[in-house]
Amino acid sequence: MSDRVRFAGEADDEELARRYARAACVVLPSRREGFGIPVLEARVAGAPVCVADVPALREVGGDAPAFDPGDPADCARALRAALERSPADLERSRDAARAWTWDAAAERCLTAWDAAVGATR
């Protein structure tokens, strides 16, 4: 695998954005994920993305191909699908990912809280 996959190690924010932008595909095989910031960062950079089929990654992954993280063949299928995405698809993904701002996240949290306690604003 080492002749086809590069494990690049740690990077600061600027270098990480450059790596995402140069990536052939970003694969996130996490079985548990709290949110999925790497998915959004990769999408904003315009990289094709495929994600493990877990709630947090599916939510922020948008229409990114998803796979069973315990099934290598399913991962390969999702990876092929991600690599086949058109430039227009990747631009739509980039635009959708940019909508995930801190302000938008706070608004969604407040809306959920209000719904949970029956409040109106």
Protein backbone atom coordinates (compact mmCIF):
# COMPACT_ATOMS: atom_id res chain seq x y z
CA MET A 1 0.00 0.00 0.00
CA SER A 2 2.87 2.42 0.66
CA ASP A 3 3.46 2.89 -3.07
CA ARG A 4 -0.14 4.19 -3.48
CA VAL A 5 -1.00 5.88 -0.17
CA ARG A 6 0.88 8.67 1.53
CA PHE A 7 0.60 9.17 5.28
CA ALA A 8 1.72 12.77 5.48
CA GLY A 9 1.65 13.36 9.24
CA GLU A 10 0.72 16.55 11.08
CA ALA A 11 0.24 19.92 9.40
CA ASP A 12 -0.77 23.44 10.40
CA ASP A 13 -4.06 24.85 9.09
CA GLU A 14 -2.57 26.40 5.95
CA GLU A 15 -0.65 23.28 4.98
CA LEU A 16 -3.67 21.12 5.72
CA ALA A 17 -5.81 23.23 3.34
CA ARG A 18 -3.13 22.84 0.64
CA ARG A 19 -3.05 19.08 1.17
CA TYR A 20 -6.82 18.81 0.89
CA ALA A 21 -6.78 20.87 -2.31
CA ARG A 22 -4.14 18.57 -3.86
CA ALA A 23 -5.71 15.30 -2.70
CA ALA A 24 -7.05 12.88 -5.28
CA CYS A 25 -9.64 11.94 -2.64
CA VAL A 26 -10.12 12.32 1.09
CA VAL A 27 -11.40 9.14 2.77
CA LEU A 28 -12.75 9.29 6.32
CA PRO A 29 -13.23 5.73 7.64
CA SER A 30 -14.09 6.71 11.24
CA ARG A 31 -16.46 4.38 13.04
CA ARG A 32 -17.31 7.12 15.56
CA GLU A 33 -17.17 10.80 14.93
CA GLY A 34 -18.29 13.76 17.00
CA PHE A 35 -18.81 16.14 14.12
CA GLY A 36 -16.71 15.77 10.98
CA ILE A 37 -14.72 18.98 10.58
CA PRO A 38 -12.19 17.21 8.29
CA VAL A 39 -15.07 16.41 5.91
CA LEU A 40 -16.03 20.08 5.69
CA GLU A 41 -12.42 21.21 5.32
CA ALA A 42 -11.87 18.79 2.46
CA ARG A 43 -15.12 19.76 0.74
CA VAL A 44 -14.33 23.49 1.05
CA ALA A 45 -10.92 22.79 -0.51
CA GLY A 46 -12.68 21.13 -3.46
CA ALA A 47 -11.45 17.61 -2.79
CA PRO A 48 -13.53 14.56 -3.62
CA VAL A 49 -14.61 12.96 -0.35
CA CYS A 50 -16.00 9.61 0.74
CA VAL A 51 -17.08 8.95 4.30
CA ALA A 52 -17.91 6.14 6.65
CA ASP A 53 -21.65 5.68 6.97
CA VAL A 54 -21.93 7.14 10.48
CA PRO A 55 -24.38 9.92 11.37
CA ALA A 56 -21.97 12.82 11.88
CA LEU A 57 -20.06 12.15 8.65
CA ARG A 58 -23.21 11.61 6.61
CA GLU A 59 -24.63 14.88 7.91
CA VAL A 60 -21.66 17.05 7.00
CA GLY A 61 -20.69 14.93 4.00
CA GLY A 62 -23.74 15.98 2.04
CA ASP A 63 -23.89 13.86 -1.09
CA ALA A 64 -20.42 12.35 -0.60
CA PRO A 65 -20.40 8.60 -1.21
CA ALA A 66 -20.68 6.70 2.06
CA PHE A 67 -19.46 3.22 2.95
CA ASP A 68 -19.62 0.63 5.70
CA PRO A 69 -16.34 1.21 7.59
CA GLY A 70 -16.05 -2.52 8.24
CA ASP A 71 -16.31 -3.48 4.57
CA PRO A 72 -13.20 -2.88 2.41
CA ALA A 73 -15.10 -3.62 -0.82
CA ASP A 74 -17.75 -1.06 0.08
CA CYS A 75 -15.00 1.47 0.85
CA ALA A 76 -13.47 0.80 -2.58
CA ARG A 77 -16.87 1.32 -4.22
CA ALA A 78 -17.33 4.68 -2.45
CA LEU A 79 -13.77 5.72 -3.29
CA ARG A 80 -14.36 4.99 -6.99
CA ALA A 81 -17.60 6.99 -6.86
CA ALA A 82 -15.85 9.93 -5.21
CA LEU A 83 -13.06 9.88 -7.81
CA GLU A 84 -15.67 9.99 -10.60
CA ARG A 85 -17.27 13.23 -9.37
CA SER A 86 -17.28 15.98 -11.95
CA PRO A 87 -15.78 19.43 -11.38
CA ALA A 88 -19.34 20.82 -11.26
CA ASP A 89 -20.27 18.27 -8.56
CA LEU A 90 -17.22 19.25 -6.53
CA GLU A 91 -18.05 22.95 -6.88
CA ARG A 92 -21.61 22.32 -5.62
CA SER A 93 -20.14 20.32 -2.72
CA ARG A 94 -17.74 23.19 -1.96
CA ASP A 95 -20.59 25.72 -1.95
CA ALA A 96 -22.75 23.53 0.32
CA ALA A 97 -19.87 22.99 2.75
CA ARG A 98 -19.30 26.74 3.03
CA ALA A 99 -22.81 27.04 4.52
CA TRP A 100 -21.56 25.24 7.65
CA THR A 101 -20.46 28.38 9.51
CA TRP A 102 -20.18 28.77 13.27
CA ASP A 103 -23.11 31.22 13.16
CA ALA A 104 -25.26 28.73 11.24
CA ALA A 105 -24.31 25.97 13.68
CA ALA A 106 -25.25 28.18 16.64
CA GLU A 107 -28.59 29.00 15.03
CA ARG A 108 -29.33 25.28 14.49
CA CYS A 109 -28.43 24.58 18.13
CA LEU A 110 -30.74 27.36 19.37
CA THR A 111 -33.56 26.12 17.14
CA ALA A 112 -33.13 22.57 18.46
CA TRP A 113 -33.01 23.83 22.05
CA ASP A 114 -36.13 25.94 21.56
CA ALA A 115 -37.94 22.94 20.05
CA ALA A 116 -36.86 20.73 22.95
CA VAL A 117 -38.13 23.09 25.61
CA GLY A 118 -41.13 24.40 23.67
CA ALA A 119 -39.85 27.97 23.48
CA THR A 120 -40.34 30.46 20.67
CA ARG A 121 -38.09 33.32 19.70
